[in-house]
Protein backbone atom coordinates (compact mmCIF):
# COMPACT_ATOMS: atom_id res chain seq x y z
CA MET A 1 7.65 96.59 -55.44
CA PHE A 2 7.30 98.51 -58.69
CA HIS A 3 5.57 101.89 -58.85
CA ASP A 4 4.02 103.55 -61.86
CA ALA A 5 5.72 106.25 -63.92
CA ALA A 6 4.25 109.08 -61.84
CA GLU A 7 6.40 107.97 -58.90
CA VAL A 8 9.71 107.65 -60.80
CA PRO A 9 12.33 109.91 -59.26
CA GLU A 10 14.62 112.10 -61.31
CA ILE A 11 17.77 110.16 -62.17
CA LYS A 12 21.18 111.19 -63.45
CA VAL A 13 22.03 109.75 -66.86
CA ASP A 14 24.15 110.72 -69.81
CA ARG A 15 21.47 112.48 -71.86
CA GLU A 16 23.17 111.94 -75.22
CA GLN A 17 23.82 108.25 -74.57
CA MET A 18 20.26 107.68 -73.35
CA LYS A 19 18.97 109.50 -76.43
CA ARG A 20 21.06 107.20 -78.67
CA VAL A 21 19.79 104.11 -76.84
CA MET A 22 16.14 105.14 -77.12
CA ILE A 23 16.44 106.10 -80.79
CA ASN A 24 18.09 102.76 -81.54
CA LEU A 25 15.41 100.78 -79.67
CA LEU A 26 12.59 102.71 -81.35
CA ASP A 27 14.17 102.42 -84.81
CA ASN A 28 14.48 98.65 -84.32
CA ALA A 29 10.87 98.41 -83.14
CA LEU A 30 9.67 100.43 -86.14
CA ASP A 31 11.56 98.11 -88.48
CA ALA A 32 10.08 95.07 -86.74
CA ILE A 33 6.46 96.16 -87.04
CA ASP A 34 6.85 97.26 -90.66
CA GLY A 35 3.94 99.71 -90.32
CA LYS A 36 1.53 96.98 -89.21
CA GLY A 37 2.13 96.56 -85.49
CA GLN A 38 2.24 98.27 -82.18
CA ILE A 39 5.06 99.70 -80.05
CA SER A 40 4.72 100.31 -76.33
CA ILE A 41 7.02 102.13 -73.93
CA GLY A 42 6.83 101.55 -70.20
CA LEU A 43 8.46 103.32 -67.28
CA SER A 44 8.48 102.07 -63.71
CA TYR A 45 10.48 102.35 -60.52
CA ASP A 46 11.45 99.65 -58.02
CA GLN A 47 11.80 101.54 -54.75
CA ASP A 48 13.26 98.56 -52.87
CA GLN A 49 16.13 98.11 -55.32
CA GLN A 50 16.18 101.79 -56.33
CA ILE A 51 16.15 101.03 -60.07
CA VAL A 52 14.26 102.61 -62.92
CA LEU A 53 13.00 100.28 -65.65
CA ILE A 54 12.37 101.55 -69.18
CA GLU A 55 10.79 98.95 -71.44
CA VAL A 56 10.32 99.19 -75.20
CA ALA A 57 8.26 96.39 -76.74
CA ASP A 58 6.70 95.67 -80.11
CA ASN A 59 4.57 92.91 -81.62
CA GLY A 60 6.48 92.74 -84.90
CA LYS A 61 8.68 90.10 -86.45
CA GLY A 62 11.93 89.17 -84.74
CA SER A 63 12.83 88.23 -81.20
CA PRO A 64 9.95 88.08 -78.72
């Protein structure tokens, strides 16, 4: 069962690598919307599997 972002526990990640990943995803999303779309970022936690899900989505051109 997924929980909302308020219930996401602190996790250990490589800060610099995660920063690079997020910048890359957001740069790609910005290119895809070409100033005319929308970008959303979601954060959730699956307590049963103990995984955190970060989702970056846009409604621009390119892969759905």
